[in-house]
Amino acid sequence: MVKEVIWTPEAELSFDRVIQYLHENWTDKEIEKFIRATEDVITYISKNPKMFRKTNIANVHEALVTPHNLLIYKIYPKRIDLITFWDTRQNPKKKKY
């Protein structure tokens, strides 16, 4: 069963920050690649939410979008909330769940 995916305001903001960073430092090709990878991961999450790494927080998982970006999400019975995009180069103790 495919679950509905909800973008939280924090997920939208952190996604926009990644896009802005790519726009300032990389090419349009890299932006398109990141967007495509994000769409693919969200499709996988909606079809099989538990396929990605579980965290120590109940029902919260992390999906690697690119080597430098994790997508953190929470599974509910009828939906999935995208919580935030996380730069893997940051201190992992500061992750927002």
PDB file of N, CA and C in Angstrom:
ATOM      1  N   MET A   1       0.839  -1.185   0.000  1.00  0.00           N
ATOM      2  CA  MET A   1       0.000   0.000   0.000  1.00  0.00           C
ATOM      3  C   MET A   1       0.885   1.251   0.000  1.00  0.00           C
ATOM      4  N   VAL A   2       0.631   2.151  -0.904  1.00  0.00           N
ATOM      5  CA  VAL A   2       1.387   3.399  -0.991  1.00  0.00           C
ATOM      6  C   VAL A   2       0.812   4.383   0.023  1.00  0.00           C
ATOM      7  N   LYS A   3       1.704   4.956   0.827  1.00  0.00           N
ATOM      8  CA  LYS A   3       1.275   5.928   1.835  1.00  0.00           C
ATOM      9  C   LYS A   3       1.449   7.349   1.320  1.00  0.00           C
ATOM     10  N   GLU A   4       0.599   8.231   1.802  1.00  0.00           N
ATOM     11  CA  GLU A   4       0.710   9.648   1.471  1.00  0.00           C
ATOM     12  C   GLU A   4       1.964  10.219   2.127  1.00  0.00           C
ATOM     13  N   VAL A   5       2.672  11.062   1.393  1.00  0.00           N
ATOM     14  CA  VAL A   5       3.885  11.704   1.910  1.00  0.00           C
ATOM     15  C   VAL A   5       3.586  13.185   2.126  1.00  0.00           C
ATOM     16  N   ILE A   6       3.853  13.657   3.338  1.00  0.00           N
ATOM     17  CA  ILE A   6       3.610  15.048   3.717  1.00  0.00           C
ATOM     18  C   ILE A   6       4.953  15.742   3.937  1.00  0.00           C
ATOM     19  N   TRP A   7       5.128  16.882   3.297  1.00  0.00           N
ATOM     20  CA  TRP A   7       6.320  17.709   3.514  1.00  0.00           C
ATOM     21  C   TRP A   7       6.038  18.643   4.687  1.00  0.00           C
ATOM     22  N   THR A   8       6.815  18.540   5.758  1.00  0.00           N
ATOM     23  CA  THR A   8       6.682  19.490   6.864  1.00  0.00           C
ATOM     24  C   THR A   8       7.327  20.813   6.439  1.00  0.00           C
ATOM     25  N   PRO A   9       6.989  21.913   7.117  1.00  0.00           N
ATOM     26  CA  PRO A   9       7.655  23.181   6.796  1.00  0.00           C
ATOM     27  C   PRO A   9       9.180  23.091   6.909  1.00  0.00           C
ATOM     28  N   GLU A  10       9.685  22.363   7.898  1.00  0.00           N
ATOM     29  CA  GLU A  10      11.138  22.202   8.057  1.00  0.00           C
ATOM     30  C   GLU A  10      11.736  21.435   6.881  1.00  0.00           C
ATOM     31  N   ALA A  11      11.044  20.416   6.396  1.00  0.00           N
ATOM     32  CA  ALA A  11      11.536  19.657   5.234  1.00  0.00           C
ATOM     33  C   ALA A  11      11.604  20.562   4.007  1.00  0.00           C
ATOM     34  N   GLU A  12      10.567  21.373   3.809  1.00  0.00           N
ATOM     35  CA  GLU A  12      10.563  22.303   2.669  1.00  0.00           C
ATOM     36  C   GLU A  12      11.708  23.301   2.774  1.00  0.00           C
ATOM     37  N   LEU A  13      11.915  23.838   3.975  1.00  0.00           N
ATOM     38  CA  LEU A  13      12.974  24.827   4.199  1.00  0.00           C
ATOM     39  C   LEU A  13      14.358  24.214   3.988  1.00  0.00           C
ATOM     40  N   SER A  14      14.586  23.040   4.542  1.00  0.00           N
ATOM     41  CA  SER A  14      15.903  22.416   4.409  1.00  0.00           C
ATOM     42  C   SER A  14      16.155  21.973   2.963  1.00  0.00           C
ATOM     43  N   PHE A  15      15.125  21.532   2.253  1.00  0.00           N
ATOM     44  CA  PHE A  15      15.260  21.190   0.829  1.00  0.00           C
ATOM     45  C   PHE A  15      15.643  22.438   0.039  1.00  0.00           C
ATOM     46  N   ASP A  16      14.952  23.544   0.312  1.00  0.00           N
ATOM     47  CA  ASP A  16      15.264  24.800  -0.371  1.00  0.00           C
ATOM     48  C   ASP A  16      16.690  25.264  -0.089  1.00  0.00           C
ATOM     49  N   ARG A  17      17.181  25.038   1.123  1.00  0.00           N
ATOM     50  CA  ARG A  17      18.563  25.407   1.456  1.00  0.00           C
ATOM     51  C   ARG A  17      19.562  24.589   0.642  1.00  0.00           C
ATOM     52  N   VAL A  18      19.275  23.307   0.457  1.00  0.00           N
ATOM     53  CA  VAL A  18      20.164  22.474  -0.358  1.00  0.00           C
ATOM     54  C   VAL A  18      20.161  22.975  -1.799  1.00  0.00           C
ATOM     55  N   ILE A  19      18.979  23.263  -2.328  1.00  0.00           N
ATOM     56  CA  ILE A  19      18.866  23.766  -3.701  1.00  0.00           C
ATOM     57  C   ILE A  19      19.619  25.092  -3.833  1.00  0.00           C
ATOM     58  N   GLN A  20      19.467  25.975  -2.861  1.00  0.00           N
ATOM     59  CA  GLN A  20      20.165  27.260  -2.895  1.00  0.00           C
ATOM     60  C   GLN A  20      21.682  27.063  -2.883  1.00  0.00           C
ATOM     61  N   TYR A  21      22.159  26.163  -2.029  1.00  0.00           N
ATOM     62  CA  TYR A  21      23.591  25.859  -1.978  1.00  0.00           C
ATOM     63  C   TYR A  21      24.071  25.336  -3.329  1.00  0.00           C
ATOM     64  N   LEU A  22      23.336  24.415  -3.906  1.00  0.00           N
ATOM     65  CA  LEU A  22      23.726  23.869  -5.212  1.00  0.00           C
ATOM     66  C   LEU A  22      23.719  24.954  -6.284  1.00  0.00           C
ATOM     67  N   HIS A  23      22.725  25.831  -6.213  1.00  0.00           N
ATOM     68  CA  HIS A  23      22.626  26.926  -7.190  1.00  0.00           C
ATOM     69  C   HIS A  23      23.842  27.858  -7.093  1.00  0.00           C
ATOM     70  N   GLU A  24      24.300  28.110  -5.880  1.00  0.00           N
ATOM     71  CA  GLU A  24      25.422  29.031  -5.669  1.00  0.00           C
ATOM     72  C   GLU A  24      26.780  28.387  -5.975  1.00  0.00           C
ATOM     73  N   ASN A  25      26.879  27.067  -5.819  1.00  0.00           N
ATOM     74  CA  ASN A  25      28.189  26.428  -5.895  1.00  0.00           C
ATOM     75  C   ASN A  25      28.345  25.362  -6.973  1.00  0.00           C
ATOM     76  N   TRP A  26      27.261  24.950  -7.590  1.00  0.00           N
ATOM     77  CA  TRP A  26      27.331  23.862  -8.554  1.00  0.00           C
ATOM     78  C   TRP A  26      26.565  24.252  -9.815  1.00  0.00           C
ATOM     79  N   THR A  27      26.267  23.286 -10.651  1.00  0.00           N
ATOM     80  CA  THR A  27      25.599  23.563 -11.928  1.00  0.00           C
ATOM     81  C   THR A  27      24.133  23.157 -11.864  1.00  0.00           C
ATOM     82  N   ASP A  28      23.399  23.564 -12.894  1.00  0.00           N
ATOM     83  CA  ASP A  28      21.995  23.162 -12.993  1.00  0.00           C
ATOM     84  C   ASP A  28      21.865  21.644 -13.083  1.00  0.00           C
ATOM     85  N   LYS A  29      22.854  21.017 -13.697  1.00  0.00           N
ATOM     86  CA  LYS A  29      22.849  19.560 -13.805  1.00  0.00           C
ATOM     87  C   LYS A  29      22.844  18.916 -12.425  1.00  0.00           C
ATOM     88  N   GLU A  30      23.631  19.454 -11.509  1.00  0.00           N
ATOM     89  CA  GLU A  30      23.688  18.917 -10.145  1.00  0.00           C
ATOM     90  C   GLU A  30      22.364  19.139  -9.415  1.00  0.00           C
ATOM     91  N   ILE A  31      21.738  20.272  -9.659  1.00  0.00           N
ATOM     92  CA  ILE A  31      20.430  20.554  -9.043  1.00  0.00           C
ATOM     93  C   ILE A  31      19.413  19.537  -9.537  1.00  0.00           C
ATOM     94  N   GLU A  32      19.369  19.321 -10.841  1.00  0.00           N
ATOM     95  CA  GLU A  32      18.433  18.351 -11.416  1.00  0.00           C
ATOM     96  C   GLU A  32      18.689  16.946 -10.867  1.00  0.00           C
ATOM     97  N   LYS A  33      19.955  16.598 -10.735  1.00  0.00           N
ATOM     98  CA  LYS A  33      20.321  15.288 -10.201  1.00  0.00           C
ATOM     99  C   LYS A  33      19.828  15.130  -8.757  1.00  0.00           C
ATOM    100  N   PHE A  34      19.988  16.178  -7.950  1.00  0.00           N
ATOM    101  CA  PHE A  34      19.527  16.132  -6.559  1.00  0.00           C
ATOM    102  C   PHE A  34      18.002  16.016  -6.500  1.00  0.00           C
ATOM    103  N   ILE A  35      17.302  16.788  -7.316  1.00  0.00           N
ATOM    104  CA  ILE A  35      15.840  16.747  -7.318  1.00  0.00           C
ATOM    105  C   ILE A  35      15.348  15.355  -7.736  1.00  0.00           C
ATOM    106  N   ARG A  36      15.963  14.800  -8.770  1.00  0.00           N
ATOM    107  CA  ARG A  36      15.583  13.459  -9.242  1.00  0.00           C
ATOM    108  C   ARG A  36      15.841  12.410  -8.156  1.00  0.00           C
ATOM    109  N   ALA A  37      16.987  12.501  -7.502  1.00  0.00           N
ATOM    110  CA  ALA A  37      17.317  11.552  -6.431  1.00  0.00           C
ATOM    111  C   ALA A  37      16.319  11.671  -5.278  1.00  0.00           C
ATOM    112  N   THR A  38      15.941  12.905  -4.953  1.00  0.00           N
ATOM    113  CA  THR A  38      14.958  13.130  -3.889  1.00  0.00           C
ATOM    114  C   THR A  38      13.618  12.517  -4.261  1.00  0.00           C
ATOM    115  N   GLU A  39      13.173  12.749  -5.491  1.00  0.00           N
ATOM    116  CA  GLU A  39      11.898  12.180  -5.954  1.00  0.00           C
ATOM    117  C   GLU A  39      11.928  10.657  -5.903  1.00  0.00           C
ATOM    118  N   ASP A  40      13.051  10.064  -6.317  1.00  0.00           N
ATOM    119  CA  ASP A  40      13.179   8.608  -6.284  1.00  0.00           C
ATOM    120  C   ASP A  40      13.092   8.076  -4.859  1.00  0.00           C
ATOM    121  N   VAL A  41      13.805   8.713  -3.940  1.00  0.00           N
ATOM    122  CA  VAL A  41      13.790   8.268  -2.542  1.00  0.00           C
ATOM    123  C   VAL A  41      12.388   8.402  -1.955  1.00  0.00           C
ATOM    124  N   ILE A  42      11.706   9.482  -2.250  1.00  0.00           N
ATOM    125  CA  ILE A  42      10.340   9.667  -1.730  1.00  0.00           C
ATOM    126  C   ILE A  42       9.408   8.593  -2.287  1.00  0.00           C
ATOM    127  N   THR A  43       9.584   8.224  -3.537  1.00  0.00           N
ATOM    128  CA  THR A  43       8.780   7.146  -4.119  1.00  0.00           C
ATOM    129  C   THR A  43       9.038   5.838  -3.382  1.00  0.00           C
ATOM    130  N   TYR A  44      10.313   5.530  -3.128  1.00  0.00           N
ATOM    131  CA  TYR A  44      10.644   4.315  -2.375  1.00  0.00           C
ATOM    132  C   TYR A  44      10.040   4.350  -0.977  1.00  0.00           C
ATOM    133  N   ILE A  45      10.145   5.491  -0.323  1.00  0.00           N
ATOM    134  CA  ILE A  45       9.607   5.640   1.032  1.00  0.00           C
ATOM    135  C   ILE A  45       8.099   5.408   1.043  1.00  0.00           C
ATOM    136  N   SER A  46       7.400   5.982   0.082  1.00  0.00           N
ATOM    137  CA  SER A  46       5.933   5.856   0.064  1.00  0.00           C
ATOM    138  C   SER A  46       5.486   4.412  -0.155  1.00  0.00           C
ATOM    139  N   LYS A  47       6.285   3.641  -0.900  1.00  0.00           N
ATOM    140  CA  LYS A  47       5.927   2.252  -1.185  1.00  0.00           C
ATOM    141  C   LYS A  47       6.405   1.289  -0.097  1.00  0.00           C
ATOM    142  N   ASN A  48       7.551   1.572   0.486  1.00  0.00           N
ATOM    143  CA  ASN A  48       8.132   0.682   1.489  1.00  0.00           C
ATOM    144  C   ASN A  48       8.858   1.522   2.535  1.00  0.00           C
ATOM    145  N   PRO A  49       8.126   2.128   3.452  1.00  0.00           N
ATOM    146  CA  PRO A  49       8.712   3.093   4.396  1.00  0.00           C
ATOM    147  C   PRO A  49       9.818   2.555   5.288  1.00  0.00           C
ATOM    148  N   LYS A  50       9.819   1.270   5.547  1.00  0.00           N
ATOM    149  CA  LYS A  50      10.805   0.714   6.479  1.00  0.00           C
ATOM    150  C   LYS A  50      12.074   0.239   5.790  1.00  0.00           C
ATOM    151  N   MET A  51      12.219   0.521   4.496  1.00  0.00           N
ATOM    152  CA  MET A  51      13.390   0.014   3.776  1.00  0.00           C
ATOM    153  C   MET A  51      14.672   0.761   4.129  1.00  0.00           C
ATOM    154  N   PHE A  52      14.555   1.956   4.700  1.00  0.00           N
ATOM    155  CA  PHE A  52      15.749   2.732   5.038  1.00  0.00           C
ATOM    156  C   PHE A  52      16.063   2.622   6.530  1.00  0.00           C
ATOM    157  N   ARG A  53      17.254   3.055   6.872  1.00  0.00           N
ATOM    158  CA  ARG A  53      17.805   2.904   8.224  1.00  0.00           C
ATOM    159  C   ARG A  53      16.892   3.511   9.293  1.00  0.00           C
ATOM    160  N   LYS A  54      16.656   2.726  10.325  1.00  0.00           N
ATOM    161  CA  LYS A  54      15.873   3.159  11.477  1.00  0.00           C
ATOM    162  C   LYS A  54      16.772   3.933  12.436  1.00  0.00           C
ATOM    163  N   THR A  55      16.212   4.949  13.072  1.00  0.00           N
ATOM    164  CA  THR A  55      16.958   5.698  14.084  1.00  0.00           C
ATOM    165  C   THR A  55      16.581   5.184  15.469  1.00  0.00           C
ATOM    166  N   ASN A  56      17.129   5.808  16.489  1.00  0.00           N
ATOM    167  CA  ASN A  56      16.770   5.414  17.851  1.00  0.00           C
ATOM    168  C   ASN A  56      15.481   6.077  18.329  1.00  0.00           C
ATOM    169  N   ILE A  57      14.850   6.846  17.453  1.00  0.00           N
ATOM    170  CA  ILE A  57      13.554   7.462  17.755  1.00  0.00           C
ATOM    171  C   ILE A  57      12.467   6.598  17.099  1.00  0.00           C
ATOM    172  N   ALA A  58      11.401   6.324  17.844  1.00  0.00           N
ATOM    173  CA  ALA A  58      10.338   5.453  17.335  1.00  0.00           C
ATOM    174  C   ALA A  58       9.787   5.942  15.998  1.00  0.00           C
ATOM    175  N   ASN A  59       9.750   5.056  15.031  1.00  0.00           N
ATOM    176  CA  ASN A  59       9.176   5.280  13.700  1.00  0.00           C
ATOM    177  C   ASN A  59       9.880   6.349  12.869  1.00  0.00           C
ATOM    178  N   VAL A  60      11.069   6.735  13.253  1.00  0.00           N
ATOM    179  CA  VAL A  60      11.833   7.716  12.477  1.00  0.00           C
ATOM    180  C   VAL A  60      12.951   6.982  11.750  1.00  0.00           C
ATOM    181  N   HIS A  61      13.069   7.276  10.452  1.00  0.00           N
ATOM    182  CA  HIS A  61      14.059   6.626   9.592  1.00  0.00           C
ATOM    183  C   HIS A  61      14.866   7.680   8.839  1.00  0.00           C
ATOM    184  N   GLU A  62      16.013   7.242   8.298  1.00  0.00           N
ATOM    185  CA  GLU A  62      16.896   8.110   7.517  1.00  0.00           C
ATOM    186  C   GLU A  62      17.164   7.453   6.164  1.00  0.00           C
ATOM    187  N   ALA A  63      16.966   8.225   5.111  1.00  0.00           N
ATOM    188  CA  ALA A  63      17.245   7.733   3.759  1.00  0.00           C
ATOM    189  C   ALA A  63      18.366   8.573   3.162  1.00  0.00           C
ATOM    190  N   LEU A  64      19.377   7.924   2.642  1.00  0.00           N
ATOM    191  CA  LEU A  64      20.471   8.622   1.994  1.00  0.00           C
ATOM    192  C   LEU A  64      20.033   9.024   0.588  1.00  0.00           C
ATOM    193  N   VAL A  65      19.974  10.330   0.343  1.00  0.00           N
ATOM    194  CA  VAL A  65      19.575  10.850  -0.964  1.00  0.00           C
ATOM    195  C   VAL A  65      20.806  10.979  -1.850  1.00  0.00           C
ATOM    196  N   THR A  66      21.845  11.585  -1.306  1.00  0.00           N
ATOM    197  CA  THR A  66      23.143  11.706  -1.955  1.00  0.00           C
ATOM    198  C   THR A  66      24.182  11.420  -0.877  1.00  0.00           C
ATOM    199  N   PRO A  67      25.443  11.291  -1.240  1.00  0.00           N
ATOM    200  CA  PRO A  67      26.450  11.042  -0.192  1.00  0.00           C
ATOM    201  C   PRO A  67      26.495  12.125   0.889  1.00  0.00           C
ATOM    202  N   HIS A  68      25.972  13.308   0.594  1.00  0.00           N
ATOM    203  CA  HIS A  68      26.022  14.403   1.559  1.00  0.00           C
ATOM    204  C   HIS A  68      24.663  14.804   2.121  1.00  0.00           C
ATOM    205  N   ASN A  69      23.592  14.099   1.748  1.00  0.00           N
ATOM    206  CA  ASN A  69      22.250  14.498   2.185  1.00  0.00           C
ATOM    207  C   ASN A  69      21.413  13.304   2.617  1.00  0.00           C
ATOM    208  N   LEU A  70      20.926  13.387   3.848  1.00  0.00           N
ATOM    209  CA  LEU A  70      19.975  12.407   4.369  1.00  0.00           C
ATOM    210  C   LEU A  70      18.589  13.040   4.378  1.00  0.00           C
ATOM    211  N   LEU A  71      17.583  12.231   4.147  1.00  0.00           N
ATOM    212  CA  LEU A  71      16.201  12.659   4.331  1.00  0.00           C
ATOM    213  C   LEU A  71      15.689  11.927   5.557  1.00  0.00           C
ATOM    214  N   ILE A  72      15.291  12.677   6.569  1.00  0.00           N
ATOM    215  CA  ILE A  72      14.775  12.105   7.808  1.00  0.00           C
ATOM    216  C   ILE A  72      13.255  12.183   7.754  1.00  0.00           C
ATOM    217  N   TYR A  73      12.607  11.059   8.056  1.00  0.00           N
ATOM    218  CA  TYR A  73      11.142  11.011   7.962  1.00  0.00           C
ATOM    219  C   TYR A  73      10.557  10.158   9.073  1.00  0.00           C
ATOM    220  N   LYS A  74       9.262  10.373   9.327  1.00  0.00           N
ATOM    221  CA  LYS A  74       8.567   9.628  10.371  1.00  0.00           C
ATOM    222  C   LYS A  74       7.392   8.888   9.748  1.00  0.00           C
ATOM    223  N   ILE A  75       7.228   7.640  10.148  1.00  0.00           N
ATOM    224  CA  ILE A  75       6.162   6.792   9.621  1.00  0.00           C
ATOM    225  C   ILE A  75       4.976   6.818  10.578  1.00  0.00           C
ATOM    226  N   TYR A  76       3.807   7.121  10.029  1.00  0.00           N
ATOM    227  CA  TYR A  76       2.542   7.041  10.753  1.00  0.00           C
ATOM    228  C   TYR A  76       1.701   5.956  10.084  1.00  0.00           C
ATOM    229  N   PRO A  77       0.627   5.509  10.719  1.00  0.00           N
ATOM    230  CA  PRO A  77      -0.168   4.431  10.116  1.00  0.00           C
ATOM    231  C   PRO A  77      -0.679   4.728   8.693  1.00  0.00           C
ATOM    232  N   LYS A  78      -1.057   5.964   8.412  1.00  0.00           N
ATOM    233  CA  LYS A  78      -1.637   6.256   7.102  1.00  0.00           C
ATOM    234  C   LYS A  78      -0.844   7.264   6.280  1.00  0.00           C
ATOM    235  N   ARG A  79       0.268   7.742   6.821  1.00  0.00           N
ATOM    236  CA  ARG A  79       1.051   8.743   6.086  1.00  0.00           C
ATOM    237  C   ARG A  79       2.502   8.700   6.530  1.00  0.00           C
ATOM    238  N   ILE A  80       3.317   9.451   5.803  1.00  0.00           N
ATOM    239  CA  ILE A  80       4.731   9.618   6.138  1.00  0.00           C
ATOM    240  C   ILE A  80       5.011  11.116   6.148  1.00  0.00           C
ATOM    241  N   ASP A  81       5.614  11.595   7.206  1.00  0.00           N
ATOM    242  CA  ASP A  81       6.013  12.999   7.287  1.00  0.00           C
ATOM    243  C   ASP A  81       7.500  13.117   7.005  1.00  0.00           C
ATOM    244  N   LEU A  82       7.841  13.938   6.019  1.00  0.00           N
ATOM    245  CA  LEU A  82       9.243  14.249   5.774  1.00  0.00           C
ATOM    246  C   LEU A  82       9.630  15.305   6.798  1.00  0.00           C
ATOM    247  N   ILE A  83      10.635  15.029   7.597  1.00  0.00           N
ATOM    248  CA  ILE A  83      10.997  15.925   8.699  1.00  0.00           C
ATOM    249  C   ILE A  83      12.021  16.961   8.252  1.00  0.00           C
ATOM    250  N   THR A  84      13.127  16.503   7.692  1.00  0.00           N
ATOM    251  CA  THR A  84      14.176  17.442   7.289  1.00  0.00           C
ATOM    252  C   THR A  84      15.190  16.750   6.384  1.00  0.00           C
ATOM    253  N   PHE A  85      15.927  17.567   5.662  1.00  0.00           N
ATOM    254  CA  PHE A  85      17.101  17.105   4.930  1.00  0.00           C
ATOM    255  C   PHE A  85      18.302  17.462   5.786  1.00  0.00           C
ATOM    256  N   TRP A  86      19.240  16.540   5.911  1.00  0.00           N
ATOM    257  CA  TRP A  86      20.372  16.716   6.813  1.00  0.00           C
ATOM    258  C   TRP A  86      21.680  16.541   6.042  1.00  0.00           C
ATOM    259  N   ASP A  87      22.576  17.486   6.197  1.00  0.00           N
ATOM    260  CA  ASP A  87      23.897  17.401   5.580  1.00  0.00           C
ATOM    261  C   ASP A  87      24.734  16.436   6.400  1.00  0.00           C
ATOM    262  N   THR A  88      25.208  15.376   5.783  1.00  0.00           N
ATOM    263  CA  THR A  88      25.928  14.328   6.507  1.00  0.00           C
ATOM    264  C   THR A  88      27.277  14.787   7.038  1.00  0.00           C
ATOM    265  N   ARG A  89      27.743  15.947   6.602  1.00  0.00           N
ATOM    266  CA  ARG A  89      29.027  16.461   7.085  1.00  0.00           C
ATOM    267  C   ARG A  89      28.886  17.199   8.419  1.00  0.00           C
ATOM    268  N   GLN A  90      27.647  17.388   8.880  1.00  0.00           N
ATOM    269  CA  GLN A  90      27.413  18.058  10.159  1.00  0.00           C
ATOM    270  C   GLN A  90      27.551  17.063  11.311  1.00  0.00           C
ATOM    271  N   ASN A  91      27.637  17.600  12.507  1.00  0.00           N
ATOM    272  CA  ASN A  91      27.714  16.780  13.714  1.00  0.00           C
ATOM    273  C   ASN A  91      26.406  15.989  13.850  1.00  0.00           C
ATOM    274  N   PRO A  92      26.467  14.654  13.857  1.00  0.00           N
ATOM    275  CA  PRO A  92      25.243  13.858  13.932  1.00  0.00           C
ATOM    276  C   PRO A  92      24.460  14.053  15.220  1.00  0.00           C
ATOM    277  N   LYS A  93      25.101  14.551  16.259  1.00  0.00           N
ATOM    278  CA  LYS A  93      24.393  14.787  17.514  1.00  0.00           C
ATOM    279  C   LYS A  93      23.407  15.944  17.406  1.00  0.00           C
ATOM    280  N   LYS A  94      23.507  16.734  16.343  1.00  0.00           N
ATOM    281  CA  LYS A  94      22.632  17.892  16.166  1.00  0.00           C
ATOM    282  C   LYS A  94      21.455  17.618  15.225  1.00  0.00           C
ATOM    283  N   LYS A  95      21.244  16.370  14.865  1.00  0.00           N
ATOM    284  CA  LYS A  95      20.140  16.032  13.965  1.00  0.00           C
ATOM    285  C   LYS A  95      18.812  16.412  14.586  1.00  0.00           C
ATOM    286  N   LYS A  96      17.896  16.876  13.734  1.00  0.00           N
ATOM    287  CA  LYS A  96      16.561  17.265  14.189  1.00  0.00           C
ATOM    288  C   LYS A  96      15.580  16.142  13.871  1.00  0.00           C
ATOM    289  N   TYR A  97      15.070  15.513  14.905  1.00  0.00           N
ATOM    290  CA  TYR A  97      14.064  14.483  14.709  1.00  0.00           C
ATOM    291  C   TYR A  97      12.735  15.051  15.123  1.00  0.00           C
TER     292      TYR A  97
END
